[in-house]
């Protein structure tokens, strides 16, 4: 299946259809900012002895716009949010459309891919017939750092 790539910036406008494999490589390149050490970072974050009191050094630089918005909304909320309310706030306050609950799972999967399975920045419980999202209360160092960096 062909994928359309659009690249734009100051003085640049580019659009081309490419293969899925090429699209995946381009996405990985853009996520890693051209570095090839993602595997090492993931292995480091999978280490159960890794420091869970502080976010990784490159954490804020590597956030996607949807990840940053999700974390900002959760940091502002202080209390757990239903998936519906989280998506509504992301859309209304930050103009980030998530088109359903699966989108939230995709946003969270990006953290796992970047930092490993033990990286639990968001906690999800079940309530009110849907997921309840909050910053992980078992990682107070993460929460403090998010509050200091994301809230004005």
N, C-alpha and C. Protein backbone atom coordinates (compact mmCIF):
# COMPACT_ATOMS: atom_id res chain seq x y z
N UNK A 1 0.84 -1.17 0.00
CA UNK A 1 0.00 0.00 0.00
C UNK A 1 0.89 1.24 0.00
N UNK A 2 0.71 2.14 -0.94
CA UNK A 2 1.51 3.36 -0.97
C UNK A 2 1.10 4.31 0.15
N UNK A 3 2.06 5.06 0.63
CA UNK A 3 1.86 6.05 1.68
C UNK A 3 2.31 7.40 1.11
N UNK A 4 1.54 8.43 1.43
CA UNK A 4 1.92 9.76 0.96
C UNK A 4 2.68 10.47 2.06
N UNK A 5 3.85 10.96 1.72
CA UNK A 5 4.68 11.70 2.67
C UNK A 5 4.61 13.17 2.30
N UNK A 6 4.33 14.00 3.30
CA UNK A 6 4.33 15.45 3.13
C UNK A 6 5.38 16.02 4.05
N UNK A 7 6.23 16.84 3.52
CA UNK A 7 7.27 17.49 4.30
C UNK A 7 7.17 18.97 4.03
N UNK A 8 7.06 19.76 5.08
CA UNK A 8 6.97 21.20 4.87
C UNK A 8 7.74 21.92 5.96
N UNK A 9 8.21 23.05 5.62
CA UNK A 9 8.96 23.89 6.54
C UNK A 9 9.30 25.18 5.83
N UNK A 10 10.11 25.98 6.47
CA UNK A 10 10.47 27.25 5.86
C UNK A 10 11.23 27.00 4.57
N UNK A 11 10.63 27.35 3.45
CA UNK A 11 11.27 27.18 2.15
C UNK A 11 11.21 25.77 1.60
N UNK A 12 10.47 24.86 2.26
CA UNK A 12 10.40 23.47 1.80
C UNK A 12 8.94 23.04 1.68
N UNK A 13 8.59 22.49 0.54
CA UNK A 13 7.30 21.86 0.32
C UNK A 13 7.58 20.61 -0.49
N UNK A 14 7.23 19.43 0.05
CA UNK A 14 7.56 18.17 -0.61
C UNK A 14 6.43 17.19 -0.38
N UNK A 15 6.01 16.49 -1.43
CA UNK A 15 5.00 15.45 -1.31
C UNK A 15 5.33 14.34 -2.29
N UNK A 16 5.25 13.09 -1.80
CA UNK A 16 5.56 11.95 -2.67
C UNK A 16 4.94 10.70 -2.09
N UNK A 17 4.50 9.79 -2.96
CA UNK A 17 4.04 8.48 -2.53
C UNK A 17 5.23 7.56 -2.42
N UNK A 18 5.29 6.82 -1.30
CA UNK A 18 6.39 5.89 -1.06
C UNK A 18 5.82 4.59 -0.51
N UNK A 19 6.64 3.57 -0.37
CA UNK A 19 6.20 2.28 0.16
C UNK A 19 6.02 2.37 1.68
N UNK A 20 5.27 1.42 2.23
CA UNK A 20 5.09 1.38 3.69
C UNK A 20 6.42 1.21 4.40
N UNK A 21 7.29 0.35 3.88
CA UNK A 21 8.59 0.13 4.50
C UNK A 21 9.39 1.43 4.57
N UNK A 22 9.38 2.18 3.47
CA UNK A 22 10.10 3.45 3.47
C UNK A 22 9.46 4.43 4.46
N UNK A 23 8.13 4.42 4.55
CA UNK A 23 7.44 5.31 5.48
C UNK A 23 7.82 4.99 6.92
N UNK A 24 7.91 3.72 7.25
CA UNK A 24 8.30 3.31 8.60
C UNK A 24 9.71 3.79 8.92
N UNK A 25 10.62 3.64 7.95
CA UNK A 25 12.00 4.11 8.16
C UNK A 25 12.03 5.62 8.38
N UNK A 26 11.24 6.36 7.61
CA UNK A 26 11.20 7.81 7.77
C UNK A 26 10.63 8.19 9.12
N UNK A 27 9.58 7.50 9.57
CA UNK A 27 9.00 7.78 10.89
C UNK A 27 10.02 7.51 11.99
N UNK A 28 10.72 6.38 11.90
CA UNK A 28 11.72 6.06 12.91
C UNK A 28 12.84 7.09 12.91
N UNK A 29 13.25 7.52 11.75
CA UNK A 29 14.29 8.54 11.64
C UNK A 29 13.83 9.85 12.28
N UNK A 30 12.59 10.25 12.01
CA UNK A 30 12.10 11.51 12.58
C UNK A 30 11.91 11.43 14.08
N UNK A 31 11.49 10.27 14.58
CA UNK A 31 11.31 10.10 16.02
C UNK A 31 12.65 10.13 16.74
N UNK A 32 13.65 9.51 16.15
CA UNK A 32 14.96 9.44 16.80
C UNK A 32 15.81 10.66 16.52
N UNK A 33 15.29 11.59 15.74
CA UNK A 33 16.00 12.81 15.38
C UNK A 33 17.33 12.49 14.69
N UNK A 34 17.32 11.40 13.89
CA UNK A 34 18.49 11.03 13.12
C UNK A 34 19.51 10.18 13.86
N UNK A 35 19.25 9.88 15.12
CA UNK A 35 20.19 9.05 15.90
C UNK A 35 19.85 7.58 15.74
N UNK A 36 20.79 6.72 15.96
CA UNK A 36 20.59 5.27 15.85
C UNK A 36 20.65 4.57 17.19
N UNK A 37 20.49 5.30 18.29
CA UNK A 37 20.64 4.68 19.60
C UNK A 37 19.31 4.34 20.27
N UNK A 38 18.20 4.29 19.50
CA UNK A 38 16.90 3.98 20.10
C UNK A 38 16.90 2.61 20.77
N UNK A 39 17.54 1.61 20.15
CA UNK A 39 17.56 0.27 20.72
C UNK A 39 18.26 0.29 22.08
N UNK A 40 19.36 1.01 22.18
CA UNK A 40 20.08 1.10 23.45
C UNK A 40 19.22 1.78 24.51
N UNK A 41 18.51 2.83 24.13
CA UNK A 41 17.65 3.53 25.07
C UNK A 41 16.54 2.61 25.56
N UNK A 42 15.91 1.86 24.63
CA UNK A 42 14.84 0.94 25.01
C UNK A 42 15.36 -0.13 25.93
N UNK A 43 16.54 -0.70 25.63
CA UNK A 43 17.11 -1.72 26.49
C UNK A 43 17.40 -1.15 27.87
N UNK A 44 17.90 0.07 27.92
CA UNK A 44 18.19 0.72 29.19
C UNK A 44 16.91 0.92 29.99
N UNK A 45 15.81 1.35 29.35
CA UNK A 45 14.56 1.60 30.04
C UNK A 45 13.87 0.30 30.45
N UNK A 46 14.18 -0.85 29.78
CA UNK A 46 13.63 -2.14 30.17
C UNK A 46 14.33 -2.69 31.41
N UNK A 47 15.45 -2.11 31.77
CA UNK A 47 16.20 -2.54 32.94
C UNK A 47 15.39 -2.23 34.20
N UNK A 48 15.01 -3.26 35.00
CA UNK A 48 14.20 -3.01 36.19
C UNK A 48 14.93 -2.14 37.22
N UNK A 49 16.24 -2.02 37.11
CA UNK A 49 17.00 -1.19 38.05
C UNK A 49 17.19 0.24 37.54
N UNK A 50 16.61 0.54 36.38
CA UNK A 50 16.74 1.89 35.82
C UNK A 50 16.11 2.90 36.77
N UNK A 51 16.65 4.10 36.75
CA UNK A 51 16.18 5.17 37.63
C UNK A 51 14.77 5.59 37.24
N UNK A 52 13.80 5.34 38.12
CA UNK A 52 12.42 5.74 37.82
C UNK A 52 12.04 7.01 38.58
N UNK A 53 13.03 7.69 39.13
CA UNK A 53 12.77 8.93 39.83
C UNK A 53 12.87 10.14 38.91
N UNK A 54 13.54 9.97 37.78
CA UNK A 54 13.72 11.07 36.83
C UNK A 54 13.41 10.57 35.42
N UNK A 55 12.85 11.46 34.63
CA UNK A 55 12.58 11.14 33.24
C UNK A 55 13.90 11.04 32.47
N UNK A 56 13.93 10.28 31.38
CA UNK A 56 15.14 10.20 30.58
C UNK A 56 15.59 11.60 30.12
N UNK A 57 16.88 11.79 29.95
CA UNK A 57 17.43 13.09 29.58
C UNK A 57 16.81 13.67 28.31
N UNK A 58 16.50 12.80 27.35
CA UNK A 58 15.98 13.27 26.07
C UNK A 58 14.46 13.25 26.01
N UNK A 59 13.80 13.04 27.14
CA UNK A 59 12.36 12.82 27.15
C UNK A 59 11.56 13.94 26.48
N UNK A 60 11.75 15.18 26.89
CA UNK A 60 10.94 16.27 26.37
C UNK A 60 11.27 16.58 24.90
N UNK A 61 12.49 16.37 24.50
CA UNK A 61 12.87 16.60 23.12
C UNK A 61 12.22 15.58 22.19
N UNK A 62 11.99 14.37 22.68
CA UNK A 62 11.47 13.29 21.84
C UNK A 62 9.94 13.17 21.87
N UNK A 63 9.26 13.99 22.64
CA UNK A 63 7.80 13.91 22.70
C UNK A 63 7.17 14.30 21.36
N UNK A 64 6.18 13.53 20.93
CA UNK A 64 5.37 13.96 19.79
C UNK A 64 4.40 15.03 20.29
N UNK A 65 3.78 15.75 19.39
CA UNK A 65 2.84 16.79 19.81
C UNK A 65 1.66 16.17 20.56
N UNK A 66 1.21 14.99 20.15
CA UNK A 66 0.09 14.34 20.85
C UNK A 66 0.52 13.85 22.23
N UNK A 67 1.73 13.32 22.35
CA UNK A 67 2.21 12.89 23.66
C UNK A 67 2.34 14.09 24.60
N UNK A 68 2.92 15.17 24.11
CA UNK A 68 3.08 16.37 24.93
C UNK A 68 1.71 16.89 25.38
N UNK A 69 0.75 16.91 24.47
CA UNK A 69 -0.59 17.41 24.81
C UNK A 69 -1.26 16.50 25.82
N UNK A 70 -1.18 15.19 25.62
CA UNK A 70 -1.79 14.26 26.58
C UNK A 70 -1.20 14.48 27.98
N UNK A 71 0.11 14.56 28.07
CA UNK A 71 0.75 14.74 29.37
C UNK A 71 0.41 16.10 29.98
N UNK A 72 0.29 17.12 29.16
CA UNK A 72 -0.08 18.45 29.66
C UNK A 72 -1.49 18.42 30.23
N UNK A 73 -2.43 17.82 29.51
CA UNK A 73 -3.81 17.73 29.99
C UNK A 73 -3.87 16.94 31.30
N UNK A 74 -3.16 15.83 31.37
CA UNK A 74 -3.17 15.01 32.59
C UNK A 74 -2.50 15.75 33.74
N UNK A 75 -1.46 16.52 33.46
CA UNK A 75 -0.78 17.29 34.50
C UNK A 75 -1.69 18.39 35.01
N UNK A 76 -2.41 19.04 34.13
CA UNK A 76 -3.34 20.09 34.53
C UNK A 76 -4.51 19.53 35.34
N UNK A 77 -4.96 18.32 35.02
CA UNK A 77 -6.17 17.75 35.60
C UNK A 77 -6.05 17.42 37.08
N UNK A 78 -4.93 16.92 37.49
CA UNK A 78 -4.69 16.49 38.87
C UNK A 78 -5.50 15.25 39.27
N UNK A 79 -6.71 15.08 38.75
CA UNK A 79 -7.55 13.91 39.04
C UNK A 79 -7.66 13.06 37.78
N UNK A 80 -7.98 11.76 37.93
CA UNK A 80 -8.12 10.90 36.75
C UNK A 80 -9.19 11.43 35.80
N UNK A 81 -8.96 11.24 34.50
CA UNK A 81 -9.90 11.64 33.46
C UNK A 81 -10.36 10.42 32.69
N UNK A 82 -11.64 10.38 32.34
CA UNK A 82 -12.11 9.32 31.46
C UNK A 82 -11.46 9.53 30.10
N UNK A 83 -11.42 8.47 29.31
CA UNK A 83 -10.82 8.60 27.98
C UNK A 83 -11.60 9.63 27.15
N UNK A 84 -12.91 9.67 27.32
CA UNK A 84 -13.72 10.65 26.59
C UNK A 84 -13.34 12.07 26.98
N UNK A 85 -13.21 12.32 28.28
CA UNK A 85 -12.86 13.66 28.76
C UNK A 85 -11.44 14.05 28.35
N UNK A 86 -10.52 13.11 28.42
CA UNK A 86 -9.14 13.38 28.01
C UNK A 86 -9.10 13.77 26.54
N UNK A 87 -9.78 13.02 25.69
CA UNK A 87 -9.81 13.35 24.26
C UNK A 87 -10.49 14.70 24.03
N UNK A 88 -11.57 14.98 24.75
CA UNK A 88 -12.28 16.25 24.59
C UNK A 88 -11.37 17.42 24.94
N UNK A 89 -10.65 17.33 26.05
CA UNK A 89 -9.77 18.42 26.46
C UNK A 89 -8.61 18.60 25.49
N UNK A 90 -8.06 17.50 24.99
CA UNK A 90 -6.98 17.60 24.02
C UNK A 90 -7.46 18.33 22.77
N UNK A 91 -8.69 18.03 22.36
CA UNK A 91 -9.25 18.64 21.17
C UNK A 91 -9.63 20.10 21.40
N UNK A 92 -10.40 20.36 22.46
CA UNK A 92 -10.92 21.71 22.67
C UNK A 92 -9.86 22.72 23.10
N UNK A 93 -8.96 22.31 23.98
CA UNK A 93 -7.99 23.27 24.50
C UNK A 93 -6.73 23.38 23.63
N UNK A 94 -6.34 22.26 23.00
CA UNK A 94 -5.07 22.24 22.26
C UNK A 94 -5.22 21.93 20.77
N UNK A 95 -6.47 21.75 20.32
CA UNK A 95 -6.76 21.48 18.92
C UNK A 95 -6.02 20.22 18.42
N UNK A 96 -5.94 19.21 19.30
CA UNK A 96 -5.34 17.93 18.95
C UNK A 96 -6.48 16.91 18.89
N UNK A 97 -6.82 16.47 17.69
CA UNK A 97 -7.92 15.55 17.49
C UNK A 97 -7.39 14.12 17.60
N UNK A 98 -8.08 13.28 18.39
CA UNK A 98 -7.60 11.93 18.62
C UNK A 98 -8.51 10.85 18.05
N UNK A 99 -9.68 11.18 17.58
CA UNK A 99 -10.60 10.28 16.88
C UNK A 99 -10.78 8.91 17.53
N UNK A 100 -11.02 8.87 18.82
CA UNK A 100 -11.38 7.61 19.47
C UNK A 100 -10.33 7.10 20.44
N UNK A 101 -10.76 6.14 21.24
CA UNK A 101 -9.94 5.57 22.29
C UNK A 101 -8.67 4.89 21.80
N UNK A 102 -8.72 4.32 20.61
CA UNK A 102 -7.53 3.65 20.08
C UNK A 102 -6.39 4.63 19.88
N UNK A 103 -6.72 5.86 19.59
CA UNK A 103 -5.68 6.87 19.40
C UNK A 103 -4.89 7.08 20.69
N UNK A 104 -5.59 7.06 21.83
CA UNK A 104 -4.89 7.20 23.11
C UNK A 104 -3.94 6.03 23.33
N UNK A 105 -4.38 4.84 22.97
CA UNK A 105 -3.50 3.66 23.10
C UNK A 105 -2.28 3.81 22.21
N UNK A 106 -2.46 4.37 21.04
CA UNK A 106 -1.33 4.60 20.14
C UNK A 106 -0.35 5.62 20.70
N UNK A 107 -0.87 6.65 21.32
CA UNK A 107 0.00 7.67 21.94
C UNK A 107 0.84 7.02 23.03
N UNK A 108 0.20 6.20 23.86
CA UNK A 108 0.92 5.52 24.94
C UNK A 108 1.91 4.49 24.41
N UNK A 109 1.56 3.83 23.33
CA UNK A 109 2.47 2.83 22.74
C UNK A 109 3.79 3.48 22.31
N UNK A 110 3.72 4.75 21.93
CA UNK A 110 4.94 5.45 21.55
C UNK A 110 5.93 5.55 22.71
N UNK A 111 5.42 5.70 23.93
CA UNK A 111 6.31 5.73 25.10
C UNK A 111 6.99 4.37 25.28
N UNK A 112 6.23 3.30 25.15
CA UNK A 112 6.78 1.96 25.31
C UNK A 112 7.84 1.69 24.25
N UNK A 113 7.55 2.10 23.02
CA UNK A 113 8.50 1.87 21.94
C UNK A 113 9.80 2.64 22.19
N UNK A 114 9.68 3.87 22.68
CA UNK A 114 10.86 4.69 22.91
C UNK A 114 11.63 4.30 24.16
N UNK A 115 10.91 3.92 25.22
CA UNK A 115 11.56 3.77 26.53
C UNK A 115 11.39 2.40 27.18
N UNK A 116 10.71 1.47 26.54
CA UNK A 116 10.59 0.12 27.07
C UNK A 116 9.32 -0.11 27.87
N UNK A 117 9.06 -1.39 28.12
CA UNK A 117 7.81 -1.81 28.76
C UNK A 117 7.68 -1.36 30.21
N UNK A 118 8.79 -1.12 30.89
CA UNK A 118 8.73 -0.72 32.30
C UNK A 118 8.53 0.78 32.49
N UNK A 119 8.48 1.52 31.42
CA UNK A 119 8.30 2.96 31.50
C UNK A 119 6.81 3.26 31.60
N UNK A 120 6.36 3.57 32.81
CA UNK A 120 4.92 3.74 33.07
C UNK A 120 4.65 5.16 33.54
N UNK A 121 4.53 6.06 32.59
CA UNK A 121 4.31 7.46 32.93
C UNK A 121 2.83 7.76 33.14
N UNK A 122 1.95 6.99 32.49
CA UNK A 122 0.50 7.17 32.62
C UNK A 122 -0.10 5.90 33.20
N UNK A 123 -0.99 6.09 34.16
CA UNK A 123 -1.69 4.98 34.79
C UNK A 123 -3.12 4.95 34.26
N UNK A 124 -3.60 3.75 33.93
CA UNK A 124 -4.96 3.61 33.41
C UNK A 124 -5.70 2.59 34.26
N UNK A 125 -6.82 3.02 34.82
CA UNK A 125 -7.70 2.13 35.57
C UNK A 125 -9.04 2.08 34.83
N UNK A 126 -9.90 1.17 35.23
CA UNK A 126 -11.20 1.04 34.60
C UNK A 126 -12.25 1.63 35.52
N UNK A 127 -13.10 2.49 34.99
CA UNK A 127 -14.19 3.07 35.77
C UNK A 127 -15.14 3.83 34.88
N UNK A 128 -16.36 3.98 35.30
CA UNK A 128 -17.38 4.68 34.52
C UNK A 128 -17.53 4.08 33.12
N UNK A 129 -17.28 2.78 32.99
CA UNK A 129 -17.44 2.12 31.71
C UNK A 129 -16.34 2.41 30.70
N UNK A 130 -15.29 3.10 31.11
CA UNK A 130 -14.17 3.39 30.20
C UNK A 130 -12.90 3.60 31.00
N UNK A 131 -11.78 3.75 30.29
CA UNK A 131 -10.51 3.94 30.96
C UNK A 131 -10.45 5.26 31.71
N UNK A 132 -9.80 5.23 32.86
CA UNK A 132 -9.53 6.45 33.64
C UNK A 132 -8.03 6.67 33.60
N UNK A 133 -7.62 7.80 33.06
CA UNK A 133 -6.21 8.11 32.83
C UNK A 133 -5.71 9.13 33.85
N UNK A 134 -4.49 8.90 34.33
CA UNK A 134 -3.82 9.87 35.20
C UNK A 134 -2.32 9.65 35.10
N UNK A 135 -1.56 10.67 35.51
CA UNK A 135 -0.12 10.47 35.60
C UNK A 135 0.11 9.41 36.66
N UNK A 136 1.10 8.57 36.46
CA UNK A 136 1.33 7.45 37.36
C UNK A 136 1.71 7.93 38.76
N UNK A 137 0.81 7.70 39.75
CA UNK A 137 1.11 8.17 41.11
C UNK A 137 2.28 7.42 41.76
N UNK A 138 2.67 6.29 41.19
CA UNK A 138 3.81 5.54 41.72
C UNK A 138 5.15 6.07 41.20
N UNK A 139 5.09 7.10 40.39
CA UNK A 139 6.30 7.73 39.85
C UNK A 139 6.27 9.23 40.17
N UNK A 140 6.34 9.59 41.46
CA UNK A 140 6.24 11.01 41.83
C UNK A 140 7.33 11.87 41.21
N UNK A 141 8.49 11.31 40.96
CA UNK A 141 9.56 12.07 40.31
C UNK A 141 9.16 12.49 38.91
N UNK A 142 8.49 11.58 38.19
CA UNK A 142 8.01 11.90 36.85
C UNK A 142 6.99 13.02 36.93
N UNK A 143 6.03 12.89 37.87
CA UNK A 143 4.95 13.88 38.00
C UNK A 143 5.53 15.25 38.31
N UNK A 144 6.47 15.32 39.24
CA UNK A 144 7.08 16.61 39.60
C UNK A 144 7.79 17.24 38.40
N UNK A 145 8.51 16.43 37.66
CA UNK A 145 9.23 16.96 36.51
C UNK A 145 8.26 17.43 35.42
N UNK A 146 7.18 16.69 35.21
CA UNK A 146 6.17 17.11 34.24
C UNK A 146 5.52 18.42 34.66
N UNK A 147 5.19 18.53 35.93
CA UNK A 147 4.59 19.78 36.43
C UNK A 147 5.53 20.97 36.21
N UNK A 148 6.80 20.77 36.49
CA UNK A 148 7.74 21.90 36.37
C UNK A 148 8.01 22.25 34.91
N UNK A 149 7.93 21.30 34.00
CA UNK A 149 8.26 21.57 32.60
C UNK A 149 7.06 21.89 31.72
N UNK A 150 5.87 21.38 32.07
CA UNK A 150 4.72 21.54 31.18
C UNK A 150 3.74 22.63 31.62
N UNK A 151 3.73 22.93 32.90
CA UNK A 151 2.79 23.94 33.38
C UNK A 151 3.49 25.29 33.50
N UNK A 152 2.86 26.33 33.02
CA UNK A 152 3.46 27.68 33.08
C UNK A 152 3.28 28.31 34.44
